[in-house]
PDB file of N, CA and C in Angstrom:
ATOM      1  N   MET A   1       8.269  66.871 228.569  1.00  0.00           N
ATOM      2  CA  MET A   1       8.176  67.417 227.465  1.00  0.00           C
ATOM      3  C   MET A   1       8.228  66.134 226.755  1.00  0.00           C
ATOM      4  N   SER A   2       7.221  66.240 225.676  1.00  0.00           N
ATOM      5  CA  SER A   2       6.806  65.259 224.347  1.00  0.00           C
ATOM      6  C   SER A   2       7.144  65.377 223.032  1.00  0.00           C
ATOM      7  N   ILE A   3       7.008  64.190 222.785  1.00  0.00           N
ATOM      8  CA  ILE A   3       7.332  64.398 221.396  1.00  0.00           C
ATOM      9  C   ILE A   3       6.536  65.359 220.737  1.00  0.00           C
ATOM     10  N   VAL A   4       5.479  65.655 220.077  1.00  0.00           N
ATOM     11  CA  VAL A   4       3.815  66.310 220.325  1.00  0.00           C
ATOM     12  C   VAL A   4       4.658  67.778 220.876  1.00  0.00           C
ATOM     13  N   ASP A   5       4.941  68.436 221.178  1.00  0.00           N
ATOM     14  CA  ASP A   5       5.259  68.903 222.335  1.00  0.00           C
ATOM     15  C   ASP A   5       6.315  70.002 221.617  1.00  0.00           C
ATOM     16  N   GLU A   6       6.878  69.036 220.134  1.00  0.00           N
ATOM     17  CA  GLU A   6       7.934  69.808 219.645  1.00  0.00           C
ATOM     18  C   GLU A   6       7.365  70.379 218.627  1.00  0.00           C
ATOM     19  N   VAL A   7       5.773  69.681 217.787  1.00  0.00           N
ATOM     20  CA  VAL A   7       5.295  70.641 216.555  1.00  0.00           C
ATOM     21  C   VAL A   7       3.757  71.181 217.453  1.00  0.00           C
ATOM     22  N   VAL A   8       3.974  71.648 218.719  1.00  0.00           N
ATOM     23  CA  VAL A   8       3.347  72.603 219.176  1.00  0.00           C
ATOM     24  C   VAL A   8       3.277  74.214 218.225  1.00  0.00           C
ATOM     25  N   GLY A   9       2.705  74.353 217.392  1.00  0.00           N
ATOM     26  CA  GLY A   9       2.598  75.762 217.014  1.00  0.00           C
ATOM     27  C   GLY A   9       2.855  76.371 215.439  1.00  0.00           C
ATOM     28  N   ALA A  10       2.770  74.962 215.341  1.00  0.00           N
ATOM     29  CA  ALA A  10       2.760  74.889 214.229  1.00  0.00           C
ATOM     30  C   ALA A  10       1.869  74.997 213.257  1.00  0.00           C
ATOM     31  N   GLU A  11       1.519  76.150 212.341  1.00  0.00           N
ATOM     32  CA  GLU A  11       0.089  76.454 211.583  1.00  0.00           C
ATOM     33  C   GLU A  11       0.514  76.347 210.233  1.00  0.00           C
ATOM     34  N   PHE A  12      -0.736  75.999 209.249  1.00  0.00           N
ATOM     35  CA  PHE A  12      -1.195  75.658 208.380  1.00  0.00           C
ATOM     36  C   PHE A  12      -2.510  76.356 207.561  1.00  0.00           C
ATOM     37  N   GLY A  13      -3.361  77.003 208.935  1.00  0.00           N
ATOM     38  CA  GLY A  13      -4.085  77.561 207.671  1.00  0.00           C
ATOM     39  C   GLY A  13      -5.018  77.401 208.413  1.00  0.00           C
ATOM     40  N   ASP A  14      -4.862  75.526 209.056  1.00  0.00           N
ATOM     41  CA  ASP A  14      -6.561  75.317 208.682  1.00  0.00           C
ATOM     42  C   ASP A  14      -6.584  74.613 210.747  1.00  0.00           C
ATOM     43  N   ALA A  15      -6.804  74.178 212.403  1.00  0.00           N
ATOM     44  CA  ALA A  15      -7.537  74.123 212.915  1.00  0.00           C
ATOM     45  C   ALA A  15      -7.312  72.342 213.330  1.00  0.00           C
ATOM     46  N   ARG A  16      -7.545  71.769 211.669  1.00  0.00           N
ATOM     47  CA  ARG A  16      -7.780  70.712 211.927  1.00  0.00           C
ATOM     48  C   ARG A  16      -6.122  70.094 211.054  1.00  0.00           C
ATOM     49  N   LEU A  17      -5.814  70.508 210.367  1.00  0.00           N
ATOM     50  CA  LEU A  17      -4.596  70.438 210.659  1.00  0.00           C
ATOM     51  C   LEU A  17      -3.041  69.901 211.324  1.00  0.00           C
ATOM     52  N   ASP A  18      -3.352  71.512 212.177  1.00  0.00           N
ATOM     53  CA  ASP A  18      -2.505  71.284 212.842  1.00  0.00           C
ATOM     54  C   ASP A  18      -2.287  70.139 214.100  1.00  0.00           C
ATOM     55  N   GLU A  19      -3.793  69.804 214.306  1.00  0.00           N
ATOM     56  CA  GLU A  19      -4.236  69.211 215.192  1.00  0.00           C
ATOM     57  C   GLU A  19      -4.026  67.834 214.678  1.00  0.00           C
ATOM     58  N   ARG A  20      -4.286  67.213 213.688  1.00  0.00           N
ATOM     59  CA  ARG A  20      -3.756  66.082 212.274  1.00  0.00           C
ATOM     60  C   ARG A  20      -2.072  66.063 212.937  1.00  0.00           C
ATOM     61  N   LEU A  21      -1.534  67.029 212.775  1.00  0.00           N
ATOM     62  CA  LEU A  21       0.019  66.608 213.056  1.00  0.00           C
ATOM     63  C   LEU A  21       0.373  66.306 214.777  1.00  0.00           C
ATOM     64  N   GLN A  22      -0.120  66.628 215.253  1.00  0.00           N
ATOM     65  CA  GLN A  22       0.240  66.403 216.542  1.00  0.00           C
ATOM     66  C   GLN A  22       0.328  64.839 217.261  1.00  0.00           C
ATOM     67  N   THR A  23      -1.440  64.103 216.520  1.00  0.00           N
ATOM     68  CA  THR A  23      -1.659  62.833 216.196  1.00  0.00           C
ATOM     69  C   THR A  23      -0.600  62.277 215.797  1.00  0.00           C
ATOM     70  N   VAL A  24      -1.066  62.667 213.941  1.00  0.00           N
ATOM     71  CA  VAL A  24       0.569  61.988 213.340  1.00  0.00           C
ATOM     72  C   VAL A  24       2.143  61.747 214.342  1.00  0.00           C
ATOM     73  N   ILE A  25       1.998  62.748 214.676  1.00  0.00           N
ATOM     74  CA  ILE A  25       3.865  62.703 215.173  1.00  0.00           C
ATOM     75  C   ILE A  25       3.843  61.929 215.981  1.00  0.00           C
ATOM     76  N   LYS A  26       2.794  61.942 216.935  1.00  0.00           N
ATOM     77  CA  LYS A  26       2.601  60.338 218.101  1.00  0.00           C
ATOM     78  C   LYS A  26       2.303  59.772 217.750  1.00  0.00           C
ATOM     79  N   GLU A  27       1.891  59.177 216.958  1.00  0.00           N
ATOM     80  CA  GLU A  27       1.809  58.053 216.520  1.00  0.00           C
ATOM     81  C   GLU A  27       3.093  57.049 215.896  1.00  0.00           C
ATOM     82  N   LEU A  28       3.609  58.437 214.592  1.00  0.00           N
ATOM     83  CA  LEU A  28       4.949  57.500 213.584  1.00  0.00           C
ATOM     84  C   LEU A  28       6.039  57.912 214.640  1.00  0.00           C
ATOM     85  N   GLY A  29       5.560  59.261 216.420  1.00  0.00           N
ATOM     86  CA  GLY A  29       6.940  58.784 217.089  1.00  0.00           C
ATOM     87  C   GLY A  29       7.470  57.571 218.384  1.00  0.00           C
ATOM     88  N   GLU A  30       5.512  56.711 218.884  1.00  0.00           N
ATOM     89  CA  GLU A  30       6.091  55.640 219.300  1.00  0.00           C
ATOM     90  C   GLU A  30       6.651  54.507 218.238  1.00  0.00           C
ATOM     91  N   HIS A  31       6.887  54.463 216.617  1.00  0.00           N
ATOM     92  CA  HIS A  31       6.987  53.678 216.962  1.00  0.00           C
ATOM     93  C   HIS A  31       7.690  53.520 215.243  1.00  0.00           C
ATOM     94  N   PRO A  32       9.160  54.774 215.110  1.00  0.00           N
ATOM     95  CA  PRO A  32       9.647  54.588 214.356  1.00  0.00           C
ATOM     96  C   PRO A  32      10.378  54.408 213.380  1.00  0.00           C
ATOM     97  N   ASN A  33      10.228  52.984 213.697  1.00  0.00           N
ATOM     98  CA  ASN A  33      10.442  52.269 212.960  1.00  0.00           C
ATOM     99  C   ASN A  33      10.476  51.258 211.811  1.00  0.00           C
ATOM    100  N   LEU A  34       8.290  51.964 212.081  1.00  0.00           N
ATOM    101  CA  LEU A  34       7.253  51.349 211.071  1.00  0.00           C
ATOM    102  C   LEU A  34       6.910  51.837 209.913  1.00  0.00           C
ATOM    103  N   SER A  35       6.316  51.812 208.847  1.00  0.00           N
ATOM    104  CA  SER A  35       5.897  52.931 207.975  1.00  0.00           C
ATOM    105  C   SER A  35       4.173  52.576 208.686  1.00  0.00           C
ATOM    106  N   ILE A  36       3.660  53.223 208.049  1.00  0.00           N
ATOM    107  CA  ILE A  36       2.533  54.250 208.381  1.00  0.00           C
ATOM    108  C   ILE A  36       1.488  53.395 208.447  1.00  0.00           C
ATOM    109  N   PRO A  37       1.009  52.499 207.659  1.00  0.00           N
ATOM    110  CA  PRO A  37       0.216  51.590 207.686  1.00  0.00           C
ATOM    111  C   PRO A  37       0.189  50.416 209.546  1.00  0.00           C
ATOM    112  N   ALA A  38       1.390  49.883 209.439  1.00  0.00           N
ATOM    113  CA  ALA A  38       1.269  49.769 211.133  1.00  0.00           C
ATOM    114  C   ALA A  38       1.940  50.595 212.340  1.00  0.00           C
ATOM    115  N   ALA A  39       2.176  51.380 211.787  1.00  0.00           N
ATOM    116  CA  ALA A  39       2.906  52.087 213.199  1.00  0.00           C
ATOM    117  C   ALA A  39       0.440  53.114 213.324  1.00  0.00           C
ATOM    118  N   THR A  40      -0.108  52.669 212.553  1.00  0.00           N
ATOM    119  CA  THR A  40      -1.206  53.351 213.348  1.00  0.00           C
ATOM    120  C   THR A  40      -2.226  52.196 213.975  1.00  0.00           C
ATOM    121  N   ASN A  41      -3.253  53.061 214.399  1.00  0.00           N
ATOM    122  CA  ASN A  41      -3.717  51.769 215.206  1.00  0.00           C
ATOM    123  C   ASN A  41      -4.774  50.964 214.345  1.00  0.00           C
ATOM    124  N   ARG A  42      -5.574  51.970 213.259  1.00  0.00           N
ATOM    125  CA  ARG A  42      -7.063  51.962 213.167  1.00  0.00           C
ATOM    126  C   ARG A  42      -6.475  52.887 211.595  1.00  0.00           C
ATOM    127  N   ARG A  43      -7.505  52.049 210.710  1.00  0.00           N
ATOM    128  CA  ARG A  43      -6.969  52.242 209.139  1.00  0.00           C
ATOM    129  C   ARG A  43      -7.776  54.065 208.971  1.00  0.00           C
ATOM    130  N   ALA A  44      -9.000  54.433 209.731  1.00  0.00           N
ATOM    131  CA  ALA A  44      -8.860  55.594 210.092  1.00  0.00           C
ATOM    132  C   ALA A  44      -7.772  57.033 210.418  1.00  0.00           C
ATOM    133  N   GLU A  45      -6.886  55.956 211.273  1.00  0.00           N
ATOM    134  CA  GLU A  45      -5.500  56.715 211.518  1.00  0.00           C
ATOM    135  C   GLU A  45      -4.911  57.574 210.595  1.00  0.00           C
ATOM    136  N   MET A  46      -4.882  55.957 209.484  1.00  0.00           N
ATOM    137  CA  MET A  46      -3.564  55.510 208.412  1.00  0.00           C
ATOM    138  C   MET A  46      -4.052  56.657 207.130  1.00  0.00           C
ATOM    139  N   GLU A  47      -5.089  56.271 207.682  1.00  0.00           N
ATOM    140  CA  GLU A  47      -5.623  57.781 205.723  1.00  0.00           C
ATOM    141  C   GLU A  47      -5.834  58.792 206.528  1.00  0.00           C
ATOM    142  N   GLY A  48      -6.285  59.148 207.535  1.00  0.00           N
ATOM    143  CA  GLY A  48      -5.878  60.602 207.696  1.00  0.00           C
ATOM    144  C   GLY A  48      -4.247  61.523 207.697  1.00  0.00           C
ATOM    145  N   ALA A  49      -3.175  60.019 208.750  1.00  0.00           N
ATOM    146  CA  ALA A  49      -2.207  60.602 207.989  1.00  0.00           C
ATOM    147  C   ALA A  49      -1.861  60.700 206.747  1.00  0.00           C
ATOM    148  N   TYR A  50      -1.616  60.394 205.089  1.00  0.00           N
ATOM    149  CA  TYR A  50      -2.220  59.820 203.843  1.00  0.00           C
ATOM    150  C   TYR A  50      -2.387  61.264 204.217  1.00  0.00           C
ATOM    151  N   ARG A  51      -3.802  61.268 204.091  1.00  0.00           N
ATOM    152  CA  ARG A  51      -4.631  63.426 203.743  1.00  0.00           C
ATOM    153  C   ARG A  51      -3.269  64.173 204.707  1.00  0.00           C
ATOM    154  N   PHE A  52      -3.532  63.852 205.595  1.00  0.00           N
ATOM    155  CA  PHE A  52      -2.291  65.117 205.800  1.00  0.00           C
ATOM    156  C   PHE A  52      -1.162  65.433 205.071  1.00  0.00           C
ATOM    157  N   PHE A  53      -0.815  64.303 204.678  1.00  0.00           N
ATOM    158  CA  PHE A  53       1.102  64.332 204.321  1.00  0.00           C
ATOM    159  C   PHE A  53       0.242  64.892 202.253  1.00  0.00           C
ATOM    160  N   ASP A  54      -0.135  64.868 202.320  1.00  0.00           N
ATOM    161  CA  ASP A  54      -1.170  65.146 200.480  1.00  0.00           C
ATOM    162  C   ASP A  54      -1.815  66.251 201.088  1.00  0.00           C
ATOM    163  N   ASN A  55      -2.264  67.132 201.976  1.00  0.00           N
ATOM    164  CA  ASN A  55      -2.869  68.460 200.895  1.00  0.00           C
ATOM    165  C   ASN A  55      -1.742  69.359 201.706  1.00  0.00           C
ATOM    166  N   SER A  56      -2.151  70.454 200.491  1.00  0.00           N
ATOM    167  CA  SER A  56      -0.813  71.155 200.171  1.00  0.00           C
ATOM    168  C   SER A  56      -0.715  72.501 200.959  1.00  0.00           C
ATOM    169  N   LYS A  57      -1.363  72.423 201.875  1.00  0.00           N
ATOM    170  CA  LYS A  57      -1.442  73.551 202.831  1.00  0.00           C
ATOM    171  C   LYS A  57       0.003  72.655 203.936  1.00  0.00           C
ATOM    172  N   VAL A  58      -0.120  72.204 204.201  1.00  0.00           N
ATOM    173  CA  VAL A  58       1.582  70.792 204.884  1.00  0.00           C
ATOM    174  C   VAL A  58       2.466  70.757 203.710  1.00  0.00           C
ATOM    175  N   THR A  59       3.781  71.738 203.839  1.00  0.00           N
ATOM    176  CA  THR A  59       4.553  70.746 203.384  1.00  0.00           C
ATOM    177  C   THR A  59       6.128  70.892 204.733  1.00  0.00           C
ATOM    178  N   PRO A  60       7.046  70.419 204.007  1.00  0.00           N
ATOM    179  CA  PRO A  60       8.303  69.690 205.233  1.00  0.00           C
ATOM    180  C   PRO A  60       8.326  71.315 206.208  1.00  0.00           C
ATOM    181  N   GLY A  61       8.965  72.815 205.471  1.00  0.00           N
ATOM    182  CA  GLY A  61       9.452  73.246 206.324  1.00  0.00           C
ATOM    183  C   GLY A  61       8.223  74.260 207.581  1.00  0.00           C
ATOM    184  N   LYS A  62       7.007  73.934 207.086  1.00  0.00           N
ATOM    185  CA  LYS A  62       5.739  73.943 208.539  1.00  0.00           C
ATOM    186  C   LYS A  62       6.473  72.907 209.258  1.00  0.00           C
ATOM    187  N   ILE A  63       6.094  71.471 208.759  1.00  0.00           N
ATOM    188  CA  ILE A  63       6.177  70.324 209.166  1.00  0.00           C
ATOM    189  C   ILE A  63       7.652  70.774 210.907  1.00  0.00           C
ATOM    190  N   LEU A  64       8.830  71.518 209.781  1.00  0.00           N
ATOM    191  CA  LEU A  64       9.898  71.426 210.917  1.00  0.00           C
ATOM    192  C   LEU A  64      10.175  72.426 211.893  1.00  0.00           C
ATOM    193  N   GLN A  65       9.554  74.070 210.845  1.00  0.00           N
ATOM    194  CA  GLN A  65       9.775  75.693 212.157  1.00  0.00           C
ATOM    195  C   GLN A  65       9.082  74.577 213.773  1.00  0.00           C
ATOM    196  N   PRO A  66       8.496  74.455 214.225  1.00  0.00           N
ATOM    197  CA  PRO A  66       8.080  74.166 215.975  1.00  0.00           C
ATOM    198  C   PRO A  66       9.240  74.065 215.579  1.00  0.00           C
ATOM    199  N   HIS A  67       9.842  72.513 215.450  1.00  0.00           N
ATOM    200  CA  HIS A  67      11.011  71.746 216.180  1.00  0.00           C
ATOM    201  C   HIS A  67      12.052  72.254 215.776  1.00  0.00           C
ATOM    202  N   ILE A  68      12.544  73.013 214.822  1.00  0.00           N
ATOM    203  CA  ILE A  68      13.621  74.012 215.144  1.00  0.00           C
ATOM    204  C   ILE A  68      13.373  75.303 216.120  1.00  0.00           C
ATOM    205  N   ASP A  69      12.368  75.782 215.998  1.00  0.00           N
ATOM    206  CA  ASP A  69      12.207  76.734 217.207  1.00  0.00           C
ATOM    207  C   ASP A  69      12.277  76.246 218.947  1.00  0.00           C
ATOM    208  N   ALA A  70      11.824  75.244 218.515  1.00  0.00           N
ATOM    209  CA  ALA A  70      12.553  74.022 219.684  1.00  0.00           C
ATOM    210  C   ALA A  70      13.933  74.810 220.571  1.00  0.00           C
ATOM    211  N   THR A  71      14.199  73.458 220.129  1.00  0.00           N
ATOM    212  CA  THR A  71      15.391  73.191 219.248  1.00  0.00           C
ATOM    213  C   THR A  71      16.230  74.460 220.352  1.00  0.00           C
ATOM    214  N   LYS A  72      16.218  76.152 218.515  1.00  0.00           N
ATOM    215  CA  LYS A  72      16.741  77.262 219.638  1.00  0.00           C
ATOM    216  C   LYS A  72      15.851  77.430 221.005  1.00  0.00           C
ATOM    217  N   GLU A  73      15.758  77.164 221.269  1.00  0.00           N
ATOM    218  CA  GLU A  73      15.031  77.852 222.594  1.00  0.00           C
ATOM    219  C   GLU A  73      16.324  76.603 223.341  1.00  0.00           C
ATOM    220  N   ARG A  74      15.692  75.676 223.264  1.00  0.00           N
ATOM    221  CA  ARG A  74      17.003  75.108 224.251  1.00  0.00           C
ATOM    222  C   ARG A  74      18.270  75.353 224.759  1.00  0.00           C
ATOM    223  N   ILE A  75      18.641  75.601 223.184  1.00  0.00           N
ATOM    224  CA  ILE A  75      19.720  75.443 222.582  1.00  0.00           C
ATOM    225  C   ILE A  75      20.395  76.939 223.598  1.00  0.00           C
ATOM    226  N   SER A  76      19.645  77.953 223.465  1.00  0.00           N
ATOM    227  CA  SER A  76      20.049  79.564 224.104  1.00  0.00           C
ATOM    228  C   SER A  76      19.965  79.746 225.638  1.00  0.00           C
ATOM    229  N   ALA A  77      19.073  78.376 226.281  1.00  0.00           N
ATOM    230  CA  ALA A  77      18.859  77.947 227.651  1.00  0.00           C
ATOM    231  C   ALA A  77      20.881  77.509 228.380  1.00  0.00           C
ATOM    232  N   CYS A  78      21.598  76.902 227.634  1.00  0.00           N
ATOM    233  CA  CYS A  78      23.281  75.784 227.708  1.00  0.00           C
ATOM    234  C   CYS A  78      24.166  76.954 227.546  1.00  0.00           C
ATOM    235  N   ASP A  79      24.929  76.366 228.516  1.00  0.00           N
ATOM    236  CA  ASP A  79      25.849  77.284 228.346  1.00  0.00           C
ATOM    237  C   ASP A  79      26.581  76.878 227.006  1.00  0.00           C
ATOM    238  N   LEU A  80      26.865  75.833 226.410  1.00  0.00           N
ATOM    239  CA  LEU A  80      27.635  74.960 225.753  1.00  0.00           C
ATOM    240  C   LEU A  80      27.008  74.276 224.603  1.00  0.00           C
ATOM    241  N   ALA A  81      26.841  74.068 224.025  1.00  0.00           N
ATOM    242  CA  ALA A  81      26.079  72.766 222.757  1.00  0.00           C
ATOM    243  C   ALA A  81      26.859  72.581 221.204  1.00  0.00           C
ATOM    244  N   LEU A  82      26.709  70.997 221.818  1.00  0.00           N
ATOM    245  CA  LEU A  82      27.618  69.819 220.267  1.00  0.00           C
ATOM    246  C   LEU A  82      26.521  69.803 219.282  1.00  0.00           C
ATOM    247  N   PHE A  83      27.317  70.193 218.597  1.00  0.00           N
ATOM    248  CA  PHE A  83      26.928  69.817 216.873  1.00  0.00           C
ATOM    249  C   PHE A  83      27.591  68.878 216.350  1.00  0.00           C
ATOM    250  N   ILE A  84      27.607  67.657 216.601  1.00  0.00           N
ATOM    251  CA  ILE A  84      27.748  66.164 216.336  1.00  0.00           C
ATOM    252  C   ILE A  84      27.148  65.627 214.370  1.00  0.00           C
ATOM    253  N   GLN A  85      27.632  65.665 214.032  1.00  0.00           N
ATOM    254  CA  GLN A  85      27.795  65.106 212.840  1.00  0.00           C
ATOM    255  C   GLN A  85      27.850  63.426 212.432  1.00  0.00           C
ATOM    256  N   ASP A  86      26.511  62.805 211.758  1.00  0.00           N
ATOM    257  CA  ASP A  86      27.229  61.417 212.058  1.00  0.00           C
ATOM    258  C   ASP A  86      27.557  61.453 210.365  1.00  0.00           C
ATOM    259  N   THR A  87      28.968  60.676 210.156  1.00  0.00           N
ATOM    260  CA  THR A  87      29.216  60.078 208.927  1.00  0.00           C
ATOM    261  C   THR A  87      28.875  58.410 208.553  1.00  0.00           C
ATOM    262  N   THR A  88      27.536  57.943 209.123  1.00  0.00           N
ATOM    263  CA  THR A  88      27.911  56.680 209.064  1.00  0.00           C
ATOM    264  C   THR A  88      27.308  56.147 207.504  1.00  0.00           C
ATOM    265  N   GLU A  89      27.567  55.454 207.338  1.00  0.00           N
ATOM    266  CA  GLU A  89      27.763  54.743 206.135  1.00  0.00           C
ATOM    267  C   GLU A  89      27.011  53.443 205.867  1.00  0.00           C
ATOM    268  N   PHE A  90      26.483  53.749 205.027  1.00  0.00           N
ATOM    269  CA  PHE A  90      25.490  52.155 204.422  1.00  0.00           C
ATOM    270  C   PHE A  90      25.454  51.632 203.228  1.00  0.00           C
ATOM    271  N   ASP A  91      26.621  50.259 203.019  1.00  0.00           N
ATOM    272  CA  ASP A  91      26.959  50.023 202.182  1.00  0.00           C
ATOM    273  C   ASP A  91      25.880  48.949 201.653  1.00  0.00           C
ATOM    274  N   LEU A  92      24.731  48.995 200.208  1.00  0.00           N
ATOM    275  CA  LEU A  92      24.004  48.244 200.576  1.00  0.00           C
ATOM    276  C   LEU A  92      23.972  46.157 199.654  1.00  0.00           C
ATOM    277  N   THR A  93      25.255  46.697 199.521  1.00  0.00           N
ATOM    278  CA  THR A  93      25.854  45.904 198.071  1.00  0.00           C
ATOM    279  C   THR A  93      25.127  43.812 199.309  1.00  0.00           C
ATOM    280  N   ARG A  94      25.622  43.056 198.525  1.00  0.00           N
ATOM    281  CA  ARG A  94      25.558  42.170 199.335  1.00  0.00           C
ATOM    282  C   ARG A  94      26.648  41.225 198.214  1.00  0.00           C
ATOM    283  N   PRO A  95      27.122  40.100 199.697  1.00  0.00           N
ATOM    284  CA  PRO A  95      28.064  39.298 198.400  1.00  0.00           C
ATOM    285  C   PRO A  95      27.271  38.212 196.839  1.00  0.00           C
ATOM    286  N   THR A  96      26.265  38.140 197.293  1.00  0.00           N
ATOM    287  CA  THR A  96      25.783  36.607 196.211  1.00  0.00           C
ATOM    288  C   THR A  96      24.616  37.919 195.801  1.00  0.00           C
ATOM    289  N   GLN A  97      24.166  38.052 195.571  1.00  0.00           N
ATOM    290  CA  GLN A  97      22.600  40.066 195.533  1.00  0.00           C
ATOM    291  C   GLN A  97      22.713  40.956 195.234  1.00  0.00           C
ATOM    292  N   GLN A  98      22.266  40.879 194.151  1.00  0.00           N
ATOM    293  CA  GLN A  98      22.852  43.592 194.106  1.00  0.00           C
ATOM    294  C   GLN A  98      21.377  43.902 194.332  1.00  0.00           C
ATOM    295  N   VAL A  99      21.369  44.726 195.465  1.00  0.00           N
ATOM    296  CA  VAL A  99      20.166  45.504 195.169  1.00  0.00           C
ATOM    297  C   VAL A  99      20.292  46.701 194.733  1.00  0.00           C
ATOM    298  N   LEU A 100      18.867  46.333 193.616  1.00  0.00           N
ATOM    299  CA  LEU A 100      19.154  47.688 192.433  1.00  0.00           C
ATOM    300  C   LEU A 100      18.550  48.358 192.807  1.00  0.00           C
ATOM    301  N   GLY A 101      20.213  49.231 191.788  1.00  0.00           N
ATOM    302  CA  GLY A 101      19.851  50.479 192.060  1.00  0.00           C
ATOM    303  C   GLY A 101      20.998  50.603 192.826  1.00  0.00           C
ATOM    304  N   ALA A 102      21.467  50.179 193.817  1.00  0.00           N
ATOM    305  CA  ALA A 102      22.558  50.013 194.813  1.00  0.00           C
ATOM    306  C   ALA A 102      23.480  49.903 194.561  1.00  0.00           C
ATOM    307  N   GLY A 103      24.577  50.547 195.011  1.00  0.00           N
ATOM    308  CA  GLY A 103      26.678  50.300 194.482  1.00  0.00           C
ATOM    309  C   GLY A 103      27.314  50.425 195.629  1.00  0.00           C
ATOM    310  N   TYR A 104      28.986  50.498 195.243  1.00  0.00           N
ATOM    311  CA  TYR A 104      29.767  50.550 196.248  1.00  0.00           C
ATOM    312  C   TYR A 104      29.827  52.638 197.154  1.00  0.00           C
ATOM    313  N   MET A 105      29.358  53.208 198.187  1.00  0.00           N
ATOM    314  CA  MET A 105      29.397  54.172 198.847  1.00  0.00           C
ATOM    315  C   MET A 105      31.291  54.355 198.026  1.00  0.00           C
ATOM    316  N   ASP A 106      30.895  55.293 197.490  1.00  0.00           N
ATOM    317  CA  ASP A 106      32.509  55.742 197.354  1.00  0.00           C
ATOM    318  C   ASP A 106      32.857  57.251 197.429  1.00  0.00           C
ATOM    319  N   SER A 107      32.883  57.576 198.523  1.00  0.00           N
ATOM    320  CA  SER A 107      32.183  58.699 199.368  1.00  0.00           C
ATOM    321  C   SER A 107      32.176  59.315 200.522  1.00  0.00           C
TER     322      SER A 107
END
């Protein structure tokens, strides 16, 4: 199973958008730590990704729904599933320099 398999079935009402999602997911999935310009190989791919996310037919829910459905399907095949929550916190303060807008974590 590939990361693209997680979004097969996304429906934006436009086959081109459905295909673009698969391209964007593949590119960003191969480089999850990079920005869109850095993760894409060509300028056309970068612009395509930005146009995709800017399209009014594209919503977070429509992007995530196929992944949610695939996750539910995998879980239903298991006798036991653990849902672990990560409670990691990041402190963005620096000893000699304050990051603008950041402060100590209080909860």
